Amino acid sequence: AQDRLWTNTWLGIYGASAATGVVLASTSGSSTERYDA
């Protein structure tokens, strides 16, 4: 149960972070923000 909880939690966090990065990399107005994303 702990395995399932930890795995799903980290998959969600990393997936959301990657998706946010993709969106910010293509929509941000600042070149430094796009680079960071």
Full PDB file with SEQRES, HELIX, SHEET, SSBOND, CRYST1, ORIGX, SCALE, CONECT and MASTER records, all heavy atoms in Angstrom:
SEQRES   1 A   37  ALA GLN ASP ARG LEU TRP THR ASN THR TRP LEU GLY ILE          
SEQRES   2 A   37  TYR GLY ALA SER ALA ALA THR GLY VAL VAL LEU ALA SER          
SEQRES   3 A   37  THR SER GLY SER SER THR GLU ARG TYR ASP ALA                  
HELIX    1 AA1 GLN A    2  THR A   27  1                                  26    
HELIX    2 AA2 SER A   31  ASP A   36  1                                   6    
CRYST1    1.000    1.000    1.000  90.00  90.00  90.00 P 1           1          
ORIGX1      1.000000  0.000000  0.000000        0.00000                         
ORIGX2      0.000000  1.000000  0.000000        0.00000                         
ORIGX3      0.000000  0.000000  1.000000        0.00000                         
SCALE1      1.000000  0.000000  0.000000        0.00000                         
SCALE2      0.000000  1.000000  0.000000        0.00000                         
SCALE3      0.000000  0.000000  1.000000        0.00000                         
ATOM      1  N   ALA A   1       0.836  -1.212   0.000  1.00  0.00           N  
ATOM      2  CA  ALA A   1       0.000   0.000   0.000  1.00  0.00           C  
ATOM      3  C   ALA A   1       0.867   1.258   0.000  1.00  0.00           C  
ATOM      4  O   ALA A   1       0.578   2.216  -0.725  1.00  0.00           O  
ATOM      5  CB  ALA A   1      -0.942  -0.014   1.208  1.00  0.00           C  
ATOM      6  N   GLN A   2       1.934   1.260   0.792  1.00  0.00           N  
ATOM      7  CA  GLN A   2       2.837   2.402   0.809  1.00  0.00           C  
ATOM      8  C   GLN A   2       3.564   2.554  -0.524  1.00  0.00           C  
ATOM      9  O   GLN A   2       3.765   3.669  -1.008  1.00  0.00           O  
ATOM     10  CB  GLN A   2       3.861   2.257   1.950  1.00  0.00           C  
ATOM     11  CG  GLN A   2       3.269   2.464   3.321  1.00  0.00           C  
ATOM     12  CD  GLN A   2       2.744   3.875   3.510  1.00  0.00           C  
ATOM     13  OE1 GLN A   2       3.419   4.849   3.202  1.00  0.00           O  
ATOM     14  NE2 GLN A   2       1.524   3.991   3.994  1.00  0.00           N  
ATOM     15  N   ASP A   3       3.941   1.440  -1.116  1.00  0.00           N  
ATOM     16  CA  ASP A   3       4.572   1.434  -2.439  1.00  0.00           C  
ATOM     17  C   ASP A   3       3.653   2.133  -3.439  1.00  0.00           C  
ATOM     18  O   ASP A   3       4.069   3.038  -4.166  1.00  0.00           O  
ATOM     19  CB  ASP A   3       4.844  -0.011  -2.847  1.00  0.00           C  
ATOM     20  CG  ASP A   3       5.397  -0.183  -4.255  1.00  0.00           C  
ATOM     21  OD1 ASP A   3       5.160   0.669  -5.130  1.00  0.00           O  
ATOM     22  OD2 ASP A   3       6.058  -1.202  -4.491  1.00  0.00           O  
ATOM     23  N   ARG A   4       2.397   1.711  -3.461  1.00  0.00           N  
ATOM     24  CA  ARG A   4       1.419   2.279  -4.397  1.00  0.00           C  
ATOM     25  C   ARG A   4       1.255   3.787  -4.147  1.00  0.00           C  
ATOM     26  O   ARG A   4       1.266   4.591  -5.081  1.00  0.00           O  
ATOM     27  CB  ARG A   4       0.080   1.565  -4.239  1.00  0.00           C  
ATOM     28  CG  ARG A   4      -0.933   1.870  -5.301  1.00  0.00           C  
ATOM     29  CD  ARG A   4      -2.195   1.018  -5.151  1.00  0.00           C  
ATOM     30  NE  ARG A   4      -1.902  -0.411  -5.181  1.00  0.00           N  
ATOM     31  CZ  ARG A   4      -1.896  -1.223  -4.104  1.00  0.00           C  
ATOM     32  NH1 ARG A   4      -2.186  -0.761  -2.918  1.00  0.00           N  
ATOM     33  NH2 ARG A   4      -1.621  -2.505  -4.234  1.00  0.00           N  
ATOM     34  N   LEU A   5       1.129   4.181  -2.881  1.00  0.00           N  
ATOM     35  CA  LEU A   5       0.938   5.583  -2.537  1.00  0.00           C  
ATOM     36  C   LEU A   5       2.136   6.434  -2.963  1.00  0.00           C  
ATOM     37  O   LEU A   5       1.983   7.460  -3.632  1.00  0.00           O  
ATOM     38  CB  LEU A   5       0.706   5.728  -1.025  1.00  0.00           C  
ATOM     39  CG  LEU A   5       0.626   7.162  -0.501  1.00  0.00           C  
ATOM     40  CD1 LEU A   5      -0.644   7.828  -0.993  1.00  0.00           C  
ATOM     41  CD2 LEU A   5       0.693   7.166   1.014  1.00  0.00           C  
ATOM     42  N   TRP A   6       3.341   6.008  -2.592  1.00  0.00           N  
ATOM     43  CA  TRP A   6       4.537   6.773  -2.927  1.00  0.00           C  
ATOM     44  C   TRP A   6       4.755   6.840  -4.428  1.00  0.00           C  
ATOM     45  O   TRP A   6       5.073   7.899  -4.976  1.00  0.00           O  
ATOM     46  CB  TRP A   6       5.770   6.170  -2.249  1.00  0.00           C  
ATOM     47  CG  TRP A   6       5.896   6.604  -0.840  1.00  0.00           C  
ATOM     48  CD1 TRP A   6       5.478   5.930   0.263  1.00  0.00           C  
ATOM     49  CD2 TRP A   6       6.440   7.833  -0.364  1.00  0.00           C  
ATOM     50  NE1 TRP A   6       5.738   6.655   1.392  1.00  0.00           N  
ATOM     51  CE2 TRP A   6       6.337   7.828   1.041  1.00  0.00           C  
ATOM     52  CE3 TRP A   6       7.013   8.928  -0.980  1.00  0.00           C  
ATOM     53  CZ2 TRP A   6       6.780   8.880   1.820  1.00  0.00           C  
ATOM     54  CZ3 TRP A   6       7.459   9.971  -0.195  1.00  0.00           C  
ATOM     55  CH2 TRP A   6       7.341   9.937   1.185  1.00  0.00           C  
ATOM     56  N   THR A   7       4.621   5.724  -5.110  1.00  0.00           N  
ATOM     57  CA  THR A   7       4.840   5.709  -6.559  1.00  0.00           C  
ATOM     58  C   THR A   7       3.855   6.626  -7.261  1.00  0.00           C  
ATOM     59  O   THR A   7       4.251   7.458  -8.084  1.00  0.00           O  
ATOM     60  CB  THR A   7       4.736   4.269  -7.104  1.00  0.00           C  
ATOM     61  OG1 THR A   7       5.735   3.471  -6.462  1.00  0.00           O  
ATOM     62  CG2 THR A   7       4.925   4.233  -8.599  1.00  0.00           C  
ATOM     63  N   ASN A   8       2.577   6.499  -6.948  1.00  0.00           N  
ATOM     64  CA  ASN A   8       1.573   7.329  -7.610  1.00  0.00           C  
ATOM     65  C   ASN A   8       1.749   8.808  -7.274  1.00  0.00           C  
ATOM     66  O   ASN A   8       1.564   9.670  -8.138  1.00  0.00           O  
ATOM     67  CB  ASN A   8       0.169   6.860  -7.249  1.00  0.00           C  
ATOM     68  CG  ASN A   8      -0.147   5.504  -7.850  1.00  0.00           C  
ATOM     69  OD1 ASN A   8       0.485   5.076  -8.806  1.00  0.00           O  
ATOM     70  ND2 ASN A   8      -1.107   4.812  -7.279  1.00  0.00           N  
ATOM     71  N   THR A   9       2.136   9.101  -6.033  1.00  0.00           N  
ATOM     72  CA  THR A   9       2.350  10.490  -5.647  1.00  0.00           C  
ATOM     73  C   THR A   9       3.503  11.103  -6.437  1.00  0.00           C  
ATOM     74  O   THR A   9       3.374  12.194  -7.006  1.00  0.00           O  
ATOM     75  CB  THR A   9       2.638  10.593  -4.136  1.00  0.00           C  
ATOM     76  OG1 THR A   9       1.504  10.091  -3.410  1.00  0.00           O  
ATOM     77  CG2 THR A   9       2.910  12.024  -3.721  1.00  0.00           C  
ATOM     78  N   TRP A  10       4.637  10.397  -6.496  1.00  0.00           N  
ATOM     79  CA  TRP A  10       5.785  10.952  -7.209  1.00  0.00           C  
ATOM     80  C   TRP A  10       5.549  10.992  -8.714  1.00  0.00           C  
ATOM     81  O   TRP A  10       6.011  11.926  -9.388  1.00  0.00           O  
ATOM     82  CB  TRP A  10       7.066  10.188  -6.866  1.00  0.00           C  
ATOM     83  CG  TRP A  10       7.554  10.577  -5.518  1.00  0.00           C  
ATOM     84  CD1 TRP A  10       7.579   9.823  -4.397  1.00  0.00           C  
ATOM     85  CD2 TRP A  10       8.055  11.862  -5.124  1.00  0.00           C  
ATOM     86  NE1 TRP A  10       8.065  10.546  -3.332  1.00  0.00           N  
ATOM     87  CE2 TRP A  10       8.363  11.802  -3.755  1.00  0.00           C  
ATOM     88  CE3 TRP A  10       8.270  13.058  -5.791  1.00  0.00           C  
ATOM     89  CZ2 TRP A  10       8.878  12.891  -3.057  1.00  0.00           C  
ATOM     90  CZ3 TRP A  10       8.787  14.143  -5.090  1.00  0.00           C  
ATOM     91  CH2 TRP A  10       9.085  14.045  -3.738  1.00  0.00           C  
ATOM     92  N   LEU A  11       4.848  10.011  -9.252  1.00  0.00           N  
ATOM     93  CA  LEU A  11       4.516  10.075 -10.679  1.00  0.00           C  
ATOM     94  C   LEU A  11       3.663  11.306 -10.967  1.00  0.00           C  
ATOM     95  O   LEU A  11       3.867  11.994 -11.973  1.00  0.00           O  
ATOM     96  CB  LEU A  11       3.795   8.805 -11.128  1.00  0.00           C  
ATOM     97  CG  LEU A  11       4.641   7.543 -11.234  1.00  0.00           C  
ATOM     98  CD1 LEU A  11       3.760   6.338 -11.568  1.00  0.00           C  
ATOM     99  CD2 LEU A  11       5.741   7.702 -12.262  1.00  0.00           C  
ATOM    100  N   GLY A  12       2.715  11.589 -10.081  1.00  0.00           N  
ATOM    101  CA  GLY A  12       1.864  12.771 -10.247  1.00  0.00           C  
ATOM    102  C   GLY A  12       2.654  14.068 -10.147  1.00  0.00           C  
ATOM    103  O   GLY A  12       2.475  14.995 -10.953  1.00  0.00           O  
ATOM    104  N   ILE A  13       3.544  14.151  -9.156  1.00  0.00           N  
ATOM    105  CA  ILE A  13       4.343  15.368  -8.968  1.00  0.00           C  
ATOM    106  C   ILE A  13       5.270  15.596 -10.161  1.00  0.00           C  
ATOM    107  O   ILE A  13       5.321  16.699 -10.728  1.00  0.00           O  
ATOM    108  CB  ILE A  13       5.139  15.295  -7.655  1.00  0.00           C  
ATOM    109  CG1 ILE A  13       4.181  15.407  -6.465  1.00  0.00           C  
ATOM    110  CG2 ILE A  13       6.212  16.367  -7.599  1.00  0.00           C  
ATOM    111  CD1 ILE A  13       4.818  15.097  -5.131  1.00  0.00           C  
ATOM    112  N   TYR A  14       6.012  14.550 -10.544  1.00  0.00           N  
ATOM    113  CA  TYR A  14       6.941  14.707 -11.663  1.00  0.00           C  
ATOM    114  C   TYR A  14       6.206  14.946 -12.980  1.00  0.00           C  
ATOM    115  O   TYR A  14       6.654  15.736 -13.817  1.00  0.00           O  
ATOM    116  CB  TYR A  14       7.849  13.485 -11.791  1.00  0.00           C  
ATOM    117  CG  TYR A  14       8.801  13.311 -10.635  1.00  0.00           C  
ATOM    118  CD1 TYR A  14       9.084  12.043 -10.137  1.00  0.00           C  
ATOM    119  CD2 TYR A  14       9.427  14.390 -10.033  1.00  0.00           C  
ATOM    120  CE1 TYR A  14       9.955  11.865  -9.083  1.00  0.00           C  
ATOM    121  CE2 TYR A  14      10.306  14.217  -8.971  1.00  0.00           C  
ATOM    122  CZ  TYR A  14      10.564  12.959  -8.501  1.00  0.00           C  
ATOM    123  OH  TYR A  14      11.425  12.786  -7.461  1.00  0.00           O  
ATOM    124  N   GLY A  15       5.092  14.265 -13.180  1.00  0.00           N  
ATOM    125  CA  GLY A  15       4.308  14.468 -14.396  1.00  0.00           C  
ATOM    126  C   GLY A  15       3.743  15.874 -14.475  1.00  0.00           C  
ATOM    127  O   GLY A  15       3.796  16.522 -15.530  1.00  0.00           O  
ATOM    128  N   ALA A  16       3.204  16.376 -13.351  1.00  0.00           N  
ATOM    129  CA  ALA A  16       2.667  17.736 -13.332  1.00  0.00           C  
ATOM    130  C   ALA A  16       3.779  18.763 -13.551  1.00  0.00           C  
ATOM    131  O   ALA A  16       3.592  19.762 -14.263  1.00  0.00           O  
ATOM    132  CB  ALA A  16       1.954  17.992 -12.011  1.00  0.00           C  
ATOM    133  N   SER A  17       4.933  18.525 -12.961  1.00  0.00           N  
ATOM    134  CA  SER A  17       6.061  19.444 -13.132  1.00  0.00           C  
ATOM    135  C   SER A  17       6.531  19.468 -14.586  1.00  0.00           C  
ATOM    136  O   SER A  17       6.808  20.538 -15.141  1.00  0.00           O  
ATOM    137  CB  SER A  17       7.212  19.042 -12.210  1.00  0.00           C  
ATOM    138  OG  SER A  17       8.311  19.901 -12.378  1.00  0.00           O  
ATOM    139  N   ALA A  18       6.608  18.296 -15.204  1.00  0.00           N  
ATOM    140  CA  ALA A  18       7.018  18.233 -16.614  1.00  0.00           C  
ATOM    141  C   ALA A  18       5.986  18.919 -17.511  1.00  0.00           C  
ATOM    142  O   ALA A  18       6.357  19.678 -18.421  1.00  0.00           O  
ATOM    143  CB  ALA A  18       7.219  16.782 -17.045  1.00  0.00           C  
ATOM    144  N   ALA A  19       4.711  18.681 -17.244  1.00  0.00           N  
ATOM    145  CA  ALA A  19       3.660  19.309 -18.050  1.00  0.00           C  
ATOM    146  C   ALA A  19       3.670  20.826 -17.874  1.00  0.00           C  
ATOM    147  O   ALA A  19       3.542  21.579 -18.858  1.00  0.00           O  
ATOM    148  CB  ALA A  19       2.303  18.741 -17.664  1.00  0.00           C  
ATOM    149  N   THR A  20       3.861  21.282 -16.641  1.00  0.00           N  
ATOM    150  CA  THR A  20       3.947  22.719 -16.386  1.00  0.00           C  
ATOM    151  C   THR A  20       5.147  23.315 -17.110  1.00  0.00           C  
ATOM    152  O   THR A  20       5.058  24.403 -17.697  1.00  0.00           O  
ATOM    153  CB  THR A  20       4.062  22.991 -14.871  1.00  0.00           C  
ATOM    154  OG1 THR A  20       2.934  22.423 -14.214  1.00  0.00           O  
ATOM    155  CG2 THR A  20       4.126  24.477 -14.574  1.00  0.00           C  
ATOM    156  N   GLY A  21       6.263  22.600 -17.087  1.00  0.00           N  
ATOM    157  CA  GLY A  21       7.454  23.071 -17.794  1.00  0.00           C  
ATOM    158  C   GLY A  21       7.220  23.208 -19.282  1.00  0.00           C  
ATOM    159  O   GLY A  21       7.663  24.177 -19.900  1.00  0.00           O  
ATOM    160  N   VAL A  22       6.523  22.235 -19.868  1.00  0.00           N  
ATOM    161  CA  VAL A  22       6.237  22.288 -21.314  1.00  0.00           C  
ATOM    162  C   VAL A  22       5.375  23.507 -21.629  1.00  0.00           C  
ATOM    163  O   VAL A  22       5.639  24.247 -22.592  1.00  0.00           O  
ATOM    164  CB  VAL A  22       5.538  20.986 -21.781  1.00  0.00           C  
ATOM    165  CG1 VAL A  22       4.945  21.139 -23.161  1.00  0.00           C  
ATOM    166  CG2 VAL A  22       6.515  19.828 -21.742  1.00  0.00           C  
ATOM    167  N   VAL A  23       4.350  23.727 -20.806  1.00  0.00           N  
ATOM    168  CA  VAL A  23       3.461  24.867 -21.050  1.00  0.00           C  
ATOM    169  C   VAL A  23       4.220  26.185 -20.894  1.00  0.00           C  
ATOM    170  O   VAL A  23       4.123  27.077 -21.744  1.00  0.00           O  
ATOM    171  CB  VAL A  23       2.241  24.809 -20.100  1.00  0.00           C  
ATOM    172  CG1 VAL A  23       1.439  26.094 -20.155  1.00  0.00           C  
ATOM    173  CG2 VAL A  23       1.354  23.622 -20.436  1.00  0.00           C  
ATOM    174  N   LEU A  24       4.985  26.308 -19.816  1.00  0.00           N  
ATOM    175  CA  LEU A  24       5.735  27.555 -19.590  1.00  0.00           C  
ATOM    176  C   LEU A  24       6.812  27.771 -20.648  1.00  0.00           C  
ATOM    177  O   LEU A  24       7.092  28.917 -21.016  1.00  0.00           O  
ATOM    178  CB  LEU A  24       6.358  27.557 -18.196  1.00  0.00           C  
ATOM    179  CG  LEU A  24       5.391  27.709 -17.027  1.00  0.00           C  
ATOM    180  CD1 LEU A  24       6.124  27.590 -15.707  1.00  0.00           C  
ATOM    181  CD2 LEU A  24       4.660  29.044 -17.118  1.00  0.00           C  
ATOM    182  N   ALA A  25       7.418  26.688 -21.127  1.00  0.00           N  
ATOM    183  CA  ALA A  25       8.464  26.819 -22.150  1.00  0.00           C  
ATOM    184  C   ALA A  25       7.913  27.361 -23.456  1.00  0.00           C  
ATOM    185  O   ALA A  25       8.648  27.968 -24.237  1.00  0.00           O  
ATOM    186  CB  ALA A  25       9.143  25.479 -22.392  1.00  0.00           C  
ATOM    187  N   SER A  26       6.641  27.148 -23.694  1.00  0.00           N  
ATOM    188  CA  SER A  26       6.080  27.612 -24.968  1.00  0.00           C  
ATOM    189  C   SER A  26       5.239  28.883 -24.825  1.00  0.00           C  
ATOM    190  O   SER A  26       4.965  29.535 -25.828  1.00  0.00           O  
ATOM    191  CB  SER A  26       5.232  26.504 -25.589  1.00  0.00           C  
ATOM    192  OG  SER A  26       4.167  26.177 -24.727  1.00  0.00           O  
ATOM    193  N   THR A  27       4.850  29.247 -23.607  1.00  0.00           N  
ATOM    194  CA  THR A  27       3.951  30.401 -23.467  1.00  0.00           C  
ATOM    195  C   THR A  27       4.525  31.564 -22.675  1.00  0.00           C  
ATOM    196  O   THR A  27       3.942  32.637 -22.691  1.00  0.00           O  
ATOM    197  CB  THR A  27       2.639  29.974 -22.789  1.00  0.00           C  
ATOM    198  OG1 THR A  27       2.919  29.489 -21.479  1.00  0.00           O  
ATOM    199  CG2 THR A  27       1.903  28.932 -23.601  1.00  0.00           C  
ATOM    200  N   SER A  28       5.613  31.374 -21.995  1.00  0.00           N  
ATOM    201  CA  SER A  28       6.156  32.434 -21.151  1.00  0.00           C  
ATOM    202  C   SER A  28       6.685  33.578 -21.999  1.00  0.00           C  
ATOM    203  O   SER A  28       7.245  33.374 -23.078  1.00  0.00           O  
ATOM    204  CB  SER A  28       7.270  31.875 -20.268  1.00  0.00           C  
ATOM    205  OG  SER A  28       7.738  32.876 -19.398  1.00  0.00           O  
ATOM    206  N   GLY A  29       6.551  34.792 -21.472  1.00  0.00           N  
ATOM    207  CA  GLY A  29       6.997  35.968 -22.201  1.00  0.00           C  
ATOM    208  C   GLY A  29       8.487  36.227 -22.073  1.00  0.00           C  
ATOM    209  O   GLY A  29       9.104  36.820 -22.948  1.00  0.00           O  
ATOM    210  N   SER A  30       9.088  35.755 -21.010  1.00  0.00           N  
ATOM    211  CA  SER A  30      10.503  36.015 -20.759  1.00  0.00           C  
ATOM    212  C   SER A  30      11.349  34.853 -21.273  1.00  0.00           C  
ATOM    213  O   SER A  30      11.025  33.688 -21.085  1.00  0.00           O  
ATOM    214  CB  SER A  30      10.703  36.180 -19.246  1.00  0.00           C  
ATOM    215  OG  SER A  30      12.056  36.111 -18.904  1.00  0.00           O  
ATOM    216  N   SER A  31      12.465  35.203 -21.911  1.00  0.00           N  
ATOM    217  CA  SER A  31      13.334  34.146 -22.439  1.00  0.00           C  
ATOM    218  C   SER A  31      13.990  33.349 -21.301  1.00  0.00           C  
ATOM    219  O   SER A  31      14.206  32.146 -21.437  1.00  0.00           O  
ATOM    220  CB  SER A  31      14.398  34.736 -23.364  1.00  0.00           C  
ATOM    221  OG  SER A  31      15.262  35.585 -22.627  1.00  0.00           O  
ATOM    222  N   THR A  32      14.296  33.997 -20.175  1.00  0.00           N  
ATOM    223  CA  THR A  32      14.883  33.263 -19.043  1.00  0.00           C  
ATOM    224  C   THR A  32      13.878  32.293 -18.432  1.00  0.00           C  
ATOM    225  O   THR A  32      14.245  31.193 -18.034  1.00  0.00           O  
ATOM    226  CB  THR A  32      15.416  34.223 -17.952  1.00  0.00           C  
ATOM    227  OG1 THR A  32      14.366  35.079 -17.523  1.00  0.00           O  
ATOM    228  CG2 THR A  32      16.576  35.031 -18.458  1.00  0.00           C  
ATOM    229  N   GLU A  33      12.611  32.695 -18.374  1.00  0.00           N  
ATOM    230  CA  GLU A  33      11.574  31.793 -17.855  1.00  0.00           C  
ATOM    231  C   GLU A  33      11.371  30.609 -18.793  1.00  0.00           C  
ATOM    232  O   GLU A  33      11.153  29.480 -18.340  1.00  0.00           O  
ATOM    233  CB  GLU A  33      10.258  32.546 -17.648  1.00  0.00           C  
ATOM    234  CG  GLU A  33      10.273  33.466 -16.447  1.00  0.00           C  
ATOM    235  CD  GLU A  33       8.972  34.215 -16.263  1.00  0.00           C  
ATOM    236  OE1 GLU A  33       7.981  33.911 -16.963  1.00  0.00           O  
ATOM    237  OE2 GLU A  33       8.943  35.115 -15.405  1.00  0.00           O  
ATOM    238  N   ARG A  34      11.419  30.861 -20.093  1.00  0.00           N  
ATOM    239  CA  ARG A  34      11.276  29.758 -21.054  1.00  0.00           C  
ATOM    240  C   ARG A  34      12.449  28.789 -20.919  1.00  0.00           C  
ATOM    241  O   ARG A  34      12.278  27.583 -20.957  1.00  0.00           O  
ATOM    242  CB  ARG A  34      11.175  30.293 -22.492  1.00  0.00           C  
ATOM    243  CG  ARG A  34       9.844  30.920 -22.821  1.00  0.00           C  
ATOM    244  CD  ARG A  34       9.669  31.141 -24.321  1.00  0.00           C  
ATOM    245  NE  ARG A  34      10.746  31.912 -24.912  1.00  0.00           N  
ATOM    246  CZ  ARG A  34      10.784  33.246 -25.011  1.00  0.00           C  
ATOM    247  NH1 ARG A  34       9.774  33.957 -24.551  1.00  0.00           N  
ATOM    248  NH2 ARG A  34      11.808  33.854 -25.576  1.00  0.00           N  
ATOM    249  N   TYR A  35      13.642  29.323 -20.765  1.00  0.00           N  
ATOM    250  CA  TYR A  35      14.843  28.491 -20.606  1.00  0.00           C  
ATOM    251  C   TYR A  35      14.741  27.656 -19.331  1.00  0.00           C  
ATOM    252  O   TYR A  35      14.979  26.445 -19.347  1.00  0.00           O  
ATOM    253  CB  TYR A  35      16.083  29.394 -20.569  1.00  0.00           C  
ATOM    254  CG  TYR A  35      17.383  28.645 -20.679  1.00  0.00           C  
ATOM    255  CD1 TYR A  35      17.846  28.206 -21.903  1.00  0.00           C  
ATOM    256  CD2 TYR A  35      18.141  28.377 -19.541  1.00  0.00           C  
ATOM    257  CE1 TYR A  35      19.048  27.525 -22.011  1.00  0.00           C  
ATOM    258  CE2 TYR A  35      19.342  27.697 -19.638  1.00  0.00           C  
ATOM    259  CZ  TYR A  35      19.792  27.269 -20.874  1.00  0.00           C  
ATOM    260  OH  TYR A  35      20.972  26.587 -20.971  1.00  0.00           O  
ATOM    261  N   ASP A  36      14.366  28.301 -18.232  1.00  0.00           N  
ATOM    262  CA  ASP A  36      14.198  27.577 -16.961  1.00  0.00           C  
ATOM    263  C   ASP A  36      13.134  26.484 -17.088  1.00  0.00           C  
ATOM    264  O   ASP A  36      13.287  25.391 -16.546  1.00  0.00           O  
ATOM    265  CB  ASP A  36      13.801  28.536 -15.836  1.00  0.00           C  
ATOM    266  CG  ASP A  36      14.920  29.479 -15.439  1.00  0.00           C  
ATOM    267  OD1 ASP A  36      16.055  29.317 -15.939  1.00  0.00           O  
ATOM    268  OD2 ASP A  36      14.644  30.385 -14.618  1.00  0.00           O  
ATOM    269  N   ALA A  37      12.072  26.789 -17.797  1.00  0.00           N  
ATOM    270  CA  ALA A  37      10.988  25.815 -17.961  1.00  0.00           C  
ATOM    271  C   ALA A  37      11.453  24.616 -18.783  1.00  0.00           C  
ATOM    272  O   ALA A  37      11.065  23.477 -18.492  1.00  0.00           O  
ATOM    273  CB  ALA A  37       9.788  26.483 -18.626  1.00  0.00           C  
TER     274      ALA A  37                                                      
MASTER        0    0    0    2    0    0    0    6  273    1    0    3          
END                                                                             
